[in-house]
Amino acid sequence: MGKRILFVDGDATIIEAVNTMLEGMGHNVQLETTGGDALTAFSGKPAEFDLIITDLGMPDISGLLLVDKFLKMRANIPIVLLTGVDGQDAVRKRGSDVRWFGMKPISLTALAETVESALLSAAQ
């Protein structure tokens, strides 16, 4: 059964590609192109989402600040952070609660494994 995923990225090409992959896996995806719009969408119904996937380099708000704001609204929401640069070490040094990462461009296999891992962890 598909899950409800909030996907946030400022790049239309990435949005289209990842949305196609997620929907192909059977998930219901809400797309947002800015951090502000994503926060608005999530704050109105945080319990309706099973997973958030966001870019580290958003144009209007940093991906890490976005993650912090999501977690303040719902502490147990699994979040996958996508990045086009190797930002995982910086994120870990900062002490972020993000445990799942994906490098852009992300393959279907890598996305599927990362999403499955995040969703399984949240179910436990």
PDB file of N, CA and C in Angstrom:
ATOM      1  N   MET A   1       0.843  -1.187   0.000  1.00  0.00           N
ATOM      2  CA  MET A   1       0.000   0.000   0.000  1.00  0.00           C
ATOM      3  C   MET A   1       0.881   1.241   0.000  1.00  0.00           C
ATOM      4  N   GLY A   2       0.582   2.171  -0.857  1.00  0.00           N
ATOM      5  CA  GLY A   2       1.376   3.382  -0.974  1.00  0.00           C
ATOM      6  C   GLY A   2       1.246   4.292   0.231  1.00  0.00           C
ATOM      7  N   LYS A   3       2.240   5.084   0.438  1.00  0.00           N
ATOM      8  CA  LYS A   3       2.286   6.034   1.546  1.00  0.00           C
ATOM      9  C   LYS A   3       2.122   7.453   1.028  1.00  0.00           C
ATOM     10  N   ARG A   4       1.805   8.351   1.928  1.00  0.00           N
ATOM     11  CA  ARG A   4       1.641   9.771   1.594  1.00  0.00           C
ATOM     12  C   ARG A   4       2.977  10.461   1.845  1.00  0.00           C
ATOM     13  N   ILE A   5       3.562  11.019   0.779  1.00  0.00           N
ATOM     14  CA  ILE A   5       4.889  11.622   0.849  1.00  0.00           C
ATOM     15  C   ILE A   5       4.819  13.093   0.456  1.00  0.00           C
ATOM     16  N   LEU A   6       5.456  13.938   1.255  1.00  0.00           N
ATOM     17  CA  LEU A   6       5.641  15.349   0.915  1.00  0.00           C
ATOM     18  C   LEU A   6       7.033  15.471   0.313  1.00  0.00           C
ATOM     19  N   PHE A   7       7.095  15.893  -0.948  1.00  0.00           N
ATOM     20  CA  PHE A   7       8.373  16.023  -1.640  1.00  0.00           C
ATOM     21  C   PHE A   7       8.622  17.483  -1.956  1.00  0.00           C
ATOM     22  N   VAL A   8       9.784  17.992  -1.510  1.00  0.00           N
ATOM     23  CA  VAL A   8      10.114  19.409  -1.646  1.00  0.00           C
ATOM     24  C   VAL A   8      11.433  19.568  -2.384  1.00  0.00           C
ATOM     25  N   ASP A   9      11.398  20.286  -3.495  1.00  0.00           N
ATOM     26  CA  ASP A   9      12.618  20.577  -4.247  1.00  0.00           C
ATOM     27  C   ASP A   9      12.356  21.784  -5.135  1.00  0.00           C
ATOM     28  N   GLY A  10      13.334  22.641  -5.269  1.00  0.00           N
ATOM     29  CA  GLY A  10      13.190  23.834  -6.076  1.00  0.00           C
ATOM     30  C   GLY A  10      13.472  23.632  -7.554  1.00  0.00           C
ATOM     31  N   ASP A  11      13.932  22.469  -7.937  1.00  0.00           N
ATOM     32  CA  ASP A  11      14.304  22.191  -9.323  1.00  0.00           C
ATOM     33  C   ASP A  11      13.198  21.392 -10.014  1.00  0.00           C
ATOM     34  N   ALA A  12      12.578  21.990 -11.041  1.00  0.00           N
ATOM     35  CA  ALA A  12      11.452  21.361 -11.731  1.00  0.00           C
ATOM     36  C   ALA A  12      11.824  20.017 -12.340  1.00  0.00           C
ATOM     37  N   THR A  13      13.044  19.884 -12.835  1.00  0.00           N
ATOM     38  CA  THR A  13      13.483  18.622 -13.435  1.00  0.00           C
ATOM     39  C   THR A  13      13.545  17.519 -12.386  1.00  0.00           C
ATOM     40  N   ILE A  14      14.093  17.845 -11.218  1.00  0.00           N
ATOM     41  CA  ILE A  14      14.177  16.873 -10.112  1.00  0.00           C
ATOM     42  C   ILE A  14      12.769  16.521  -9.631  1.00  0.00           C
ATOM     43  N   ILE A  15      11.923  17.538  -9.482  1.00  0.00           N
ATOM     44  CA  ILE A  15      10.536  17.307  -9.038  1.00  0.00           C
ATOM     45  C   ILE A  15       9.851  16.288  -9.958  1.00  0.00           C
ATOM     46  N   GLU A  16       9.964  16.516 -11.239  1.00  0.00           N
ATOM     47  CA  GLU A  16       9.302  15.641 -12.214  1.00  0.00           C
ATOM     48  C   GLU A  16       9.855  14.220 -12.149  1.00  0.00           C
ATOM     49  N   ALA A  17      11.169  14.089 -12.122  1.00  0.00           N
ATOM     50  CA  ALA A  17      11.793  12.766 -12.129  1.00  0.00           C
ATOM     51  C   ALA A  17      11.483  11.984 -10.855  1.00  0.00           C
ATOM     52  N   VAL A  18      11.658  12.615  -9.712  1.00  0.00           N
ATOM     53  CA  VAL A  18      11.436  11.908  -8.445  1.00  0.00           C
ATOM     54  C   VAL A  18       9.952  11.622  -8.246  1.00  0.00           C
ATOM     55  N   ASN A  19       9.094  12.552  -8.630  1.00  0.00           N
ATOM     56  CA  ASN A  19       7.659  12.313  -8.525  1.00  0.00           C
ATOM     57  C   ASN A  19       7.253  11.091  -9.357  1.00  0.00           C
ATOM     58  N   THR A  20       7.772  10.994 -10.567  1.00  0.00           N
ATOM     59  CA  THR A  20       7.477   9.844 -11.426  1.00  0.00           C
ATOM     60  C   THR A  20       7.929   8.544 -10.756  1.00  0.00           C
ATOM     61  N   MET A  21       9.116   8.566 -10.149  1.00  0.00           N
ATOM     62  CA  MET A  21       9.622   7.370  -9.470  1.00  0.00           C
ATOM     63  C   MET A  21       8.745   7.005  -8.280  1.00  0.00           C
ATOM     64  N   LEU A  22       8.410   8.003  -7.446  1.00  0.00           N
ATOM     65  CA  LEU A  22       7.619   7.731  -6.246  1.00  0.00           C
ATOM     66  C   LEU A  22       6.216   7.231  -6.602  1.00  0.00           C
ATOM     67  N   GLU A  23       5.595   7.865  -7.578  1.00  0.00           N
ATOM     68  CA  GLU A  23       4.263   7.418  -7.985  1.00  0.00           C
ATOM     69  C   GLU A  23       4.333   6.019  -8.607  1.00  0.00           C
ATOM     70  N   GLY A  24       5.426   5.736  -9.321  1.00  0.00           N
ATOM     71  CA  GLY A  24       5.624   4.406  -9.882  1.00  0.00           C
ATOM     72  C   GLY A  24       5.758   3.335  -8.807  1.00  0.00           C
ATOM     73  N   MET A  25       6.196   3.740  -7.621  1.00  0.00           N
ATOM     74  CA  MET A  25       6.289   2.820  -6.481  1.00  0.00           C
ATOM     75  C   MET A  25       4.948   2.696  -5.759  1.00  0.00           C
ATOM     76  N   GLY A  26       3.958   3.456  -6.214  1.00  0.00           N
ATOM     77  CA  GLY A  26       2.623   3.371  -5.623  1.00  0.00           C
ATOM     78  C   GLY A  26       2.326   4.399  -4.547  1.00  0.00           C
ATOM     79  N   HIS A  27       3.203   5.367  -4.366  1.00  0.00           N
ATOM     80  CA  HIS A  27       2.995   6.375  -3.326  1.00  0.00           C
ATOM     81  C   HIS A  27       2.158   7.541  -3.833  1.00  0.00           C
ATOM     82  N   ASN A  28       1.492   8.199  -2.899  1.00  0.00           N
ATOM     83  CA  ASN A  28       0.728   9.411  -3.169  1.00  0.00           C
ATOM     84  C   ASN A  28       1.620  10.587  -2.773  1.00  0.00           C
ATOM     85  N   VAL A  29       1.958  11.439  -3.726  1.00  0.00           N
ATOM     86  CA  VAL A  29       2.965  12.474  -3.502  1.00  0.00           C
ATOM     87  C   VAL A  29       2.353  13.871  -3.574  1.00  0.00           C
ATOM     88  N   GLN A  30       2.664  14.685  -2.581  1.00  0.00           N
ATOM     89  CA  GLN A  30       2.340  16.103  -2.649  1.00  0.00           C
ATOM     90  C   GLN A  30       3.635  16.832  -2.947  1.00  0.00           C
ATOM     91  N   LEU A  31       3.648  17.600  -4.023  1.00  0.00           N
ATOM     92  CA  LEU A  31       4.842  18.308  -4.472  1.00  0.00           C
ATOM     93  C   LEU A  31       4.810  19.763  -4.029  1.00  0.00           C
ATOM     94  N   GLU A  32       5.943  20.239  -3.551  1.00  0.00           N
ATOM     95  CA  GLU A  32       6.098  21.652  -3.214  1.00  0.00           C
ATOM     96  C   GLU A  32       7.454  22.112  -3.727  1.00  0.00           C
ATOM     97  N   THR A  33       7.503  23.339  -4.246  1.00  0.00           N
ATOM     98  CA  THR A  33       8.746  23.853  -4.823  1.00  0.00           C
ATOM     99  C   THR A  33       9.464  24.855  -3.934  1.00  0.00           C
ATOM    100  N   THR A  34       8.870  25.213  -2.802  1.00  0.00           N
ATOM    101  CA  THR A  34       9.555  26.096  -1.858  1.00  0.00           C
ATOM    102  C   THR A  34       9.381  25.541  -0.446  1.00  0.00           C
ATOM    103  N   GLY A  35      10.329  25.876   0.398  1.00  0.00           N
ATOM    104  CA  GLY A  35      10.244  25.454   1.785  1.00  0.00           C
ATOM    105  C   GLY A  35       9.040  26.050   2.485  1.00  0.00           C
ATOM    106  N   GLY A  36       8.741  27.306   2.177  1.00  0.00           N
ATOM    107  CA  GLY A  36       7.590  27.966   2.788  1.00  0.00           C
ATOM    108  C   GLY A  36       6.286  27.269   2.452  1.00  0.00           C
ATOM    109  N   ASP A  37       6.121  26.907   1.184  1.00  0.00           N
ATOM    110  CA  ASP A  37       4.905  26.194   0.777  1.00  0.00           C
ATOM    111  C   ASP A  37       4.838  24.815   1.428  1.00  0.00           C
ATOM    112  N   ALA A  38       5.972  24.160   1.555  1.00  0.00           N
ATOM    113  CA  ALA A  38       6.011  22.839   2.192  1.00  0.00           C
ATOM    114  C   ALA A  38       5.621  22.930   3.667  1.00  0.00           C
ATOM    115  N   LEU A  39       6.121  23.948   4.356  1.00  0.00           N
ATOM    116  CA  LEU A  39       5.769  24.135   5.768  1.00  0.00           C
ATOM    117  C   LEU A  39       4.283  24.405   5.930  1.00  0.00           C
ATOM    118  N   THR A  40       3.726  25.210   5.041  1.00  0.00           N
ATOM    119  CA  THR A  40       2.295  25.498   5.089  1.00  0.00           C
ATOM    120  C   THR A  40       1.488  24.226   4.875  1.00  0.00           C
ATOM    121  N   ALA A  41       1.860  23.442   3.871  1.00  0.00           N
ATOM    122  CA  ALA A  41       1.149  22.194   3.578  1.00  0.00           C
ATOM    123  C   ALA A  41       1.234  21.225   4.753  1.00  0.00           C
ATOM    124  N   PHE A  42       2.410  21.103   5.333  1.00  0.00           N
ATOM    125  CA  PHE A  42       2.617  20.154   6.425  1.00  0.00           C
ATOM    126  C   PHE A  42       1.939  20.616   7.712  1.00  0.00           C
ATOM    127  N   SER A  43       2.016  21.896   8.012  1.00  0.00           N
ATOM    128  CA  SER A  43       1.467  22.399   9.278  1.00  0.00           C
ATOM    129  C   SER A  43      -0.049  22.226   9.338  1.00  0.00           C
ATOM    130  N   GLY A  44      -0.703  22.225   8.183  1.00  0.00           N
ATOM    131  CA  GLY A  44      -2.143  22.054   8.168  1.00  0.00           C
ATOM    132  C   GLY A  44      -2.603  20.640   8.440  1.00  0.00           C
ATOM    133  N   LYS A  45      -1.733  19.665   8.220  1.00  0.00           N
ATOM    134  CA  LYS A  45      -2.117  18.262   8.390  1.00  0.00           C
ATOM    135  C   LYS A  45      -0.897  17.361   8.580  1.00  0.00           C
ATOM    136  N   PRO A  46      -0.107  17.588   9.621  1.00  0.00           N
ATOM    137  CA  PRO A  46       1.129  16.813   9.797  1.00  0.00           C
ATOM    138  C   PRO A  46       0.912  15.311   9.968  1.00  0.00           C
ATOM    139  N   ALA A  47      -0.197  14.907  10.523  1.00  0.00           N
ATOM    140  CA  ALA A  47      -0.440  13.473  10.738  1.00  0.00           C
ATOM    141  C   ALA A  47      -0.783  12.742   9.440  1.00  0.00           C
ATOM    142  N   GLU A  48      -1.103  13.477   8.380  1.00  0.00           N
ATOM    143  CA  GLU A  48      -1.478  12.841   7.122  1.00  0.00           C
ATOM    144  C   GLU A  48      -0.289  12.377   6.292  1.00  0.00           C
ATOM    145  N   PHE A  49       0.910  12.810   6.641  1.00  0.00           N
ATOM    146  CA  PHE A  49       2.092  12.442   5.868  1.00  0.00           C
ATOM    147  C   PHE A  49       2.845  11.312   6.558  1.00  0.00           C
ATOM    148  N   ASP A  50       3.367  10.393   5.733  1.00  0.00           N
ATOM    149  CA  ASP A  50       4.161   9.279   6.250  1.00  0.00           C
ATOM    150  C   ASP A  50       5.653   9.537   6.126  1.00  0.00           C
ATOM    151  N   LEU A  51       6.038  10.456   5.232  1.00  0.00           N
ATOM    152  CA  LEU A  51       7.452  10.694   4.937  1.00  0.00           C
ATOM    153  C   LEU A  51       7.601  12.056   4.279  1.00  0.00           C
ATOM    154  N   ILE A  52       8.728  12.696   4.554  1.00  0.00           N
ATOM    155  CA  ILE A  52       9.094  13.932   3.865  1.00  0.00           C
ATOM    156  C   ILE A  52      10.418  13.686   3.156  1.00  0.00           C
ATOM    157  N   ILE A  53      10.496  14.138   1.913  1.00  0.00           N
ATOM    158  CA  ILE A  53      11.755  14.134   1.165  1.00  0.00           C
ATOM    159  C   ILE A  53      12.007  15.578   0.775  1.00  0.00           C
ATOM    160  N   THR A  54      13.164  16.111   1.163  1.00  0.00           N
ATOM    161  CA  THR A  54      13.470  17.505   0.849  1.00  0.00           C
ATOM    162  C   THR A  54      14.911  17.652   0.387  1.00  0.00           C
ATOM    163  N   ASP A  55      15.123  18.714  -0.353  1.00  0.00           N
ATOM    164  CA  ASP A  55      16.457  19.049  -0.833  1.00  0.00           C
ATOM    165  C   ASP A  55      17.203  19.815   0.257  1.00  0.00           C
ATOM    166  N   LEU A  56      18.495  19.622   0.334  1.00  0.00           N
ATOM    167  CA  LEU A  56      19.325  20.368   1.279  1.00  0.00           C
ATOM    168  C   LEU A  56      19.435  21.836   0.870  1.00  0.00           C
ATOM    169  N   GLY A  57      19.532  22.100  -0.435  1.00  0.00           N
ATOM    170  CA  GLY A  57      19.748  23.457  -0.929  1.00  0.00           C
ATOM    171  C   GLY A  57      18.502  24.095  -1.492  1.00  0.00           C
ATOM    172  N   MET A  58      17.543  24.415  -0.634  1.00  0.00           N
ATOM    173  CA  MET A  58      16.322  25.077  -1.091  1.00  0.00           C
ATOM    174  C   MET A  58      16.596  26.576  -1.290  1.00  0.00           C
ATOM    175  N   PRO A  59      15.896  27.201  -2.258  1.00  0.00           N
ATOM    176  CA  PRO A  59      16.167  28.614  -2.547  1.00  0.00           C
ATOM    177  C   PRO A  59      15.691  29.579  -1.465  1.00  0.00           C
ATOM    178  N   ASP A  60      14.625  29.258  -0.737  1.00  0.00           N
ATOM    179  CA  ASP A  60      14.052  30.224   0.205  1.00  0.00           C
ATOM    180  C   ASP A  60      14.377  29.940   1.663  1.00  0.00           C
ATOM    181  N   ILE A  61      14.791  28.714   1.968  1.00  0.00           N
ATOM    182  CA  ILE A  61      15.095  28.335   3.349  1.00  0.00           C
ATOM    183  C   ILE A  61      16.054  27.148   3.278  1.00  0.00           C
ATOM    184  N   SER A  62      16.998  27.095   4.155  1.00  0.00           N
ATOM    185  CA  SER A  62      17.939  25.966   4.104  1.00  0.00           C
ATOM    186  C   SER A  62      17.199  24.668   4.407  1.00  0.00           C
ATOM    187  N   GLY A  63      17.640  23.604   3.773  1.00  0.00           N
ATOM    188  CA  GLY A  63      17.030  22.302   4.002  1.00  0.00           C
ATOM    189  C   GLY A  63      17.117  21.873   5.457  1.00  0.00           C
ATOM    190  N   LEU A  64      18.201  22.234   6.128  1.00  0.00           N
ATOM    191  CA  LEU A  64      18.351  21.859   7.539  1.00  0.00           C
ATOM    192  C   LEU A  64      17.381  22.623   8.429  1.00  0.00           C
ATOM    193  N   LEU A  65      17.167  23.896   8.144  1.00  0.00           N
ATOM    194  CA  LEU A  65      16.189  24.664   8.912  1.00  0.00           C
ATOM    195  C   LEU A  65      14.787  24.123   8.644  1.00  0.00           C
ATOM    196  N   LEU A  66      14.537  23.761   7.424  1.00  0.00           N
ATOM    197  CA  LEU A  66      13.257  23.163   7.054  1.00  0.00           C
ATOM    198  C   LEU A  66      13.027  21.871   7.842  1.00  0.00           C
ATOM    199  N   VAL A  67      14.043  21.031   7.911  1.00  0.00           N
ATOM    200  CA  VAL A  67      13.955  19.794   8.686  1.00  0.00           C
ATOM    201  C   VAL A  67      13.630  20.096  10.144  1.00  0.00           C
ATOM    202  N   ASP A  68      14.329  21.070  10.729  1.00  0.00           N
ATOM    203  CA  ASP A  68      14.073  21.438  12.128  1.00  0.00           C
ATOM    204  C   ASP A  68      12.619  21.853  12.333  1.00  0.00           C
ATOM    205  N   LYS A  69      12.090  22.626  11.402  1.00  0.00           N
ATOM    206  CA  LYS A  69      10.701  23.097  11.520  1.00  0.00           C
ATOM    207  C   LYS A  69       9.706  21.942  11.382  1.00  0.00           C
ATOM    208  N   PHE A  70       9.966  21.026  10.463  1.00  0.00           N
ATOM    209  CA  PHE A  70       9.096  19.854  10.338  1.00  0.00           C
ATOM    210  C   PHE A  70       9.096  19.047  11.637  1.00  0.00           C
ATOM    211  N   LEU A  71      10.287  18.820  12.192  1.00  0.00           N
ATOM    212  CA  LEU A  71      10.404  17.998  13.395  1.00  0.00           C
ATOM    213  C   LEU A  71       9.780  18.670  14.616  1.00  0.00           C
ATOM    214  N   LYS A  72       9.734  19.985  14.642  1.00  0.00           N
ATOM    215  CA  LYS A  72       9.042  20.679  15.738  1.00  0.00           C
ATOM    216  C   LYS A  72       7.535  20.461  15.650  1.00  0.00           C
ATOM    217  N   MET A  73       7.033  20.314  14.437  1.00  0.00           N
ATOM    218  CA  MET A  73       5.596  20.082  14.254  1.00  0.00           C
ATOM    219  C   MET A  73       5.219  18.620  14.487  1.00  0.00           C
ATOM    220  N   ARG A  74       6.149  17.717  14.161  1.00  0.00           N
ATOM    221  CA  ARG A  74       5.910  16.281  14.355  1.00  0.00           C
ATOM    222  C   ARG A  74       7.255  15.580  14.499  1.00  0.00           C
ATOM    223  N   ALA A  75       7.624  15.309  15.717  1.00  0.00           N
ATOM    224  CA  ALA A  75       8.966  14.815  16.037  1.00  0.00           C
ATOM    225  C   ALA A  75       9.300  13.461  15.424  1.00  0.00           C
ATOM    226  N   ASN A  76       8.311  12.647  15.117  1.00  0.00           N
ATOM    227  CA  ASN A  76       8.588  11.291  14.637  1.00  0.00           C
ATOM    228  C   ASN A  76       8.468  11.131  13.123  1.00  0.00           C
ATOM    229  N   ILE A  77       8.353  12.209  12.384  1.00  0.00           N
ATOM    230  CA  ILE A  77       8.210  12.095  10.928  1.00  0.00           C
ATOM    231  C   ILE A  77       9.562  11.730  10.311  1.00  0.00           C
ATOM    232  N   PRO A  78       9.634  10.645   9.544  1.00  0.00           N
ATOM    233  CA  PRO A  78      10.909  10.333   8.888  1.00  0.00           C
ATOM    234  C   PRO A  78      11.156  11.315   7.744  1.00  0.00           C
ATOM    235  N   ILE A  79      12.406  11.737   7.622  1.00  0.00           N
ATOM    236  CA  ILE A  79      12.783  12.716   6.606  1.00  0.00           C
ATOM    237  C   ILE A  79      14.003  12.210   5.848  1.00  0.00           C
ATOM    238  N   VAL A  80      13.896  12.257   4.517  1.00  0.00           N
ATOM    239  CA  VAL A  80      15.018  11.938   3.632  1.00  0.00           C
ATOM    240  C   VAL A  80      15.527  13.261   3.093  1.00  0.00           C
ATOM    241  N   LEU A  81      16.824  13.486   3.220  1.00  0.00           N
ATOM    242  CA  LEU A  81      17.446  14.713   2.739  1.00  0.00           C
ATOM    243  C   LEU A  81      18.225  14.403   1.470  1.00  0.00           C
ATOM    244  N   LEU A  82      17.840  15.046   0.376  1.00  0.00           N
ATOM    245  CA  LEU A  82      18.545  14.888  -0.894  1.00  0.00           C
ATOM    246  C   LEU A  82      19.517  16.043  -1.069  1.00  0.00           C
ATOM    247  N   THR A  83      20.655  15.757  -1.657  1.00  0.00           N
ATOM    248  CA  THR A  83      21.623  16.813  -1.895  1.00  0.00           C
ATOM    249  C   THR A  83      22.430  16.518  -3.152  1.00  0.00           C
ATOM    250  N   GLY A  84      22.792  17.570  -3.842  1.00  0.00           N
ATOM    251  CA  GLY A  84      23.627  17.437  -5.024  1.00  0.00           C
ATOM    252  C   GLY A  84      25.101  17.522  -4.681  1.00  0.00           C
ATOM    253  N   VAL A  85      25.390  17.874  -3.450  1.00  0.00           N
ATOM    254  CA  VAL A  85      26.764  17.932  -2.951  1.00  0.00           C
ATOM    255  C   VAL A  85      26.850  16.994  -1.763  1.00  0.00           C
ATOM    256  N   ASP A  86      28.042  16.585  -1.429  1.00  0.00           N
ATOM    257  CA  ASP A  86      28.181  15.648  -0.319  1.00  0.00           C
ATOM    258  C   ASP A  86      28.061  16.409   0.997  1.00  0.00           C
ATOM    259  N   GLY A  87      26.821  16.647   1.403  1.00  0.00           N
ATOM    260  CA  GLY A  87      26.578  17.400   2.618  1.00  0.00           C
ATOM    261  C   GLY A  87      26.310  16.545   3.835  1.00  0.00           C
ATOM    262  N   GLN A  88      26.408  15.234   3.694  1.00  0.00           N
ATOM    263  CA  GLN A  88      26.081  14.353   4.811  1.00  0.00           C
ATOM    264  C   GLN A  88      26.946  14.588   6.041  1.00  0.00           C
ATOM    265  N   ASP A  89      28.246  14.778   5.854  1.00  0.00           N
ATOM    266  CA  ASP A  89      29.132  15.003   6.997  1.00  0.00           C
ATOM    267  C   ASP A  89      28.785  16.294   7.721  1.00  0.00           C
ATOM    268  N   ALA A  90      28.526  17.349   6.957  1.00  0.00           N
ATOM    269  CA  ALA A  90      28.157  18.635   7.560  1.00  0.00           C
ATOM    270  C   ALA A  90      26.853  18.510   8.337  1.00  0.00           C
ATOM    271  N   VAL A  91      25.917  17.769   7.783  1.00  0.00           N
ATOM    272  CA  VAL A  91      24.632  17.579   8.452  1.00  0.00           C
ATOM    273  C   VAL A  91      24.827  16.806   9.752  1.00  0.00           C
ATOM    274  N   ARG A  92      25.620  15.761   9.713  1.00  0.00           N
ATOM    275  CA  ARG A  92      25.857  14.964  10.927  1.00  0.00           C
ATOM    276  C   ARG A  92      26.617  15.767  11.988  1.00  0.00           C
ATOM    277  N   LYS A  93      27.596  16.567  11.559  1.00  0.00           N
ATOM    278  CA  LYS A  93      28.345  17.384  12.516  1.00  0.00           C
ATOM    279  C   LYS A  93      27.444  18.402  13.194  1.00  0.00           C
ATOM    280  N   ARG A  94      26.465  18.876  12.469  1.00  0.00           N
ATOM    281  CA  ARG A  94      25.533  19.863  12.997  1.00  0.00           C
ATOM    282  C   ARG A  94      24.609  19.232  14.036  1.00  0.00           C
ATOM    283  N   GLY A  95      24.492  17.924  14.029  1.00  0.00           N
ATOM    284  CA  GLY A  95      23.647  17.235  14.998  1.00  0.00           C
ATOM    285  C   GLY A  95      22.207  17.107  14.549  1.00  0.00           C
ATOM    286  N   SER A  96      21.977  17.129  13.268  1.00  0.00           N
ATOM    287  CA  SER A  96      20.618  16.997  12.747  1.00  0.00           C
ATOM    288  C   SER A  96      20.078  15.600  13.017  1.00  0.00           C
ATOM    289  N   ASP A  97      18.758  15.508  13.091  1.00  0.00           N
ATOM    290  CA  ASP A  97      18.093  14.231  13.293  1.00  0.00           C
ATOM    291  C   ASP A  97      17.894  13.457  11.988  1.00  0.00           C
ATOM    292  N   VAL A  98      18.398  13.979  10.897  1.00  0.00           N
ATOM    293  CA  VAL A  98      18.235  13.305   9.614  1.00  0.00           C
ATOM    294  C   VAL A  98      19.094  12.044   9.596  1.00  0.00           C
ATOM    295  N   ARG A  99      18.459  10.929   9.248  1.00  0.00           N
ATOM    296  CA  ARG A  99      19.189   9.653   9.183  1.00  0.00           C
ATOM    297  C   ARG A  99      19.250   9.091   7.779  1.00  0.00           C
ATOM    298  N   TRP A 100      18.450   9.636   6.872  1.00  0.00           N
ATOM    299  CA  TRP A 100      18.400   9.098   5.515  1.00  0.00           C
ATOM    300  C   TRP A 100      18.803  10.170   4.520  1.00  0.00           C
ATOM    301  N   PHE A 101      19.696   9.789   3.618  1.00  0.00           N
ATOM    302  CA  PHE A 101      20.228  10.722   2.631  1.00  0.00           C
ATOM    303  C   PHE A 101      20.138  10.108   1.240  1.00  0.00           C
ATOM    304  N   GLY A 102      20.069  10.977   0.252  1.00  0.00           N
ATOM    305  CA  GLY A 102      20.144  10.548  -1.128  1.00  0.00           C
ATOM    306  C   GLY A 102      20.964  11.558  -1.899  1.00  0.00           C
ATOM    307  N   MET A 103      21.827  11.064  -2.769  1.00  0.00           N
ATOM    308  CA  MET A 103      22.652  11.946  -3.594  1.00  0.00           C
ATOM    309  C   MET A 103      21.964  12.175  -4.928  1.00  0.00           C
ATOM    310  N   LYS A 104      21.820  13.442  -5.302  1.00  0.00           N
ATOM    311  CA  LYS A 104      21.222  13.768  -6.603  1.00  0.00           C
ATOM    312  C   LYS A 104      22.295  13.781  -7.669  1.00  0.00           C
ATOM    313  N   PRO A 105      22.003  13.294  -8.859  1.00  0.00           N
ATOM    314  CA  PRO A 105      20.735  12.654  -9.221  1.00  0.00           C
ATOM    315  C   PRO A 105      20.641  11.268  -8.588  1.00  0.00           C
ATOM    316  N   ILE A 106      19.453  10.938  -8.128  1.00  0.00           N
ATOM    317  CA  ILE A 106      19.258   9.667  -7.428  1.00  0.00           C
ATOM    318  C   ILE A 106      18.636   8.640  -8.383  1.00  0.00           C
ATOM    319  N   SER A 107      19.118   7.434  -8.301  1.00  0.00           N
ATOM    320  CA  SER A 107      18.577   6.364  -9.152  1.00  0.00           C
ATOM    321  C   SER A 107      17.282   5.839  -8.537  1.00  0.00           C
ATOM    322  N   LEU A 108      16.504   5.168  -9.346  1.00  0.00           N
ATOM    323  CA  LEU A 108      15.269   4.564  -8.860  1.00  0.00           C
ATOM    324  C   LEU A 108      15.565   3.565  -7.750  1.00  0.00           C
ATOM    325  N   THR A 109      16.589   2.762  -7.927  1.00  0.00           N
ATOM    326  CA  THR A 109      16.952   1.765  -6.922  1.00  0.00           C
ATOM    327  C   THR A 109      17.341   2.427  -5.605  1.00  0.00           C
ATOM    328  N   ALA A 110      18.191   3.439  -5.664  1.00  0.00           N
ATOM    329  CA  ALA A 110      18.626   4.133  -4.444  1.00  0.00           C
ATOM    330  C   ALA A 110      17.447   4.822  -3.757  1.00  0.00           C
ATOM    331  N   LEU A 111      16.580   5.449  -4.541  1.00  0.00           N
ATOM    332  CA  LEU A 111      15.409   6.115  -3.967  1.00  0.00           C
ATOM    333  C   LEU A 111      14.499   5.095  -3.301  1.00  0.00           C
ATOM    334  N   ALA A 112      14.234   4.000  -3.977  1.00  0.00           N
ATOM    335  CA  ALA A 112      13.353   2.974  -3.423  1.00  0.00           C
ATOM    336  C   ALA A 112      13.915   2.406  -2.118  1.00  0.00           C
ATOM    337  N   GLU A 113      15.205   2.128  -2.086  1.00  0.00           N
ATOM    338  CA  GLU A 113      15.836   1.587  -0.871  1.00  0.00           C
ATOM    339  C   GLU A 113      15.790   2.591   0.273  1.00  0.00           C
ATOM    340  N   THR A 114      16.049   3.851  -0.026  1.00  0.00           N
ATOM    341  CA  THR A 114      16.061   4.890   1.008  1.00  0.00           C
ATOM    342  C   THR A 114      14.661   5.120   1.564  1.00  0.00           C
ATOM    343  N   VAL A 115      13.680   5.223   0.674  1.00  0.00           N
ATOM    344  CA  VAL A 115      12.294   5.418   1.100  1.00  0.00           C
ATOM    345  C   VAL A 115      11.823   4.234   1.927  1.00  0.00           C
ATOM    346  N   GLU A 116      12.102   3.029   1.470  1.00  0.00           N
ATOM    347  CA  GLU A 116      11.691   1.830   2.205  1.00  0.00           C
ATOM    348  C   GLU A 116      12.330   1.791   3.593  1.00  0.00           C
ATOM    349  N   SER A 117      13.611   2.112   3.671  1.00  0.00           N
ATOM    350  CA  SER A 117      14.305   2.121   4.964  1.00  0.00           C
ATOM    351  C   SER A 117      13.686   3.143   5.918  1.00  0.00           C
ATOM    352  N   ALA A 118      13.410   4.320   5.427  1.00  0.00           N
ATOM    353  CA  ALA A 118      12.825   5.369   6.275  1.00  0.00           C
ATOM    354  C   ALA A 118      11.421   4.975   6.752  1.00  0.00           C
ATOM    355  N   LEU A 119      10.620   4.451   5.844  1.00  0.00           N
ATOM    356  CA  LEU A 119       9.257   4.054   6.208  1.00  0.00           C
ATOM    357  C   LEU A 119       9.243   2.869   7.174  1.00  0.00           C
ATOM    358  N   LEU A 120      10.131   1.900   6.960  1.00  0.00           N
ATOM    359  CA  LEU A 120      10.205   0.760   7.877  1.00  0.00           C
ATOM    360  C   LEU A 120      10.627   1.187   9.275  1.00  0.00           C
ATOM    361  N   SER A 121      11.572   2.088   9.335  1.00  0.00           N
ATOM    362  CA  SER A 121      12.053   2.571  10.631  1.00  0.00           C
ATOM    363  C   SER A 121      10.935   3.312  11.372  1.00  0.00           C
ATOM    364  N   ALA A 122      10.151   4.076  10.640  1.00  0.00           N
ATOM    365  CA  ALA A 122       9.061   4.827  11.249  1.00  0.00           C
ATOM    366  C   ALA A 122       7.956   3.909  11.768  1.00  0.00           C
ATOM    367  N   ALA A 123       7.796   2.761  11.128  1.00  0.00           N
ATOM    368  CA  ALA A 123       6.748   1.815  11.514  1.00  0.00           C
ATOM    369  C   ALA A 123       7.103   1.049  12.778  1.00  0.00           C
ATOM    370  N   GLN A 124       8.365   1.056  13.166  1.00  0.00           N
ATOM    371  CA  GLN A 124       8.797   0.275  14.333  1.00  0.00           C
ATOM    372  C   GLN A 124       8.568   1.024  15.625  1.00  0.00           C
TER     373      GLN A 124
END
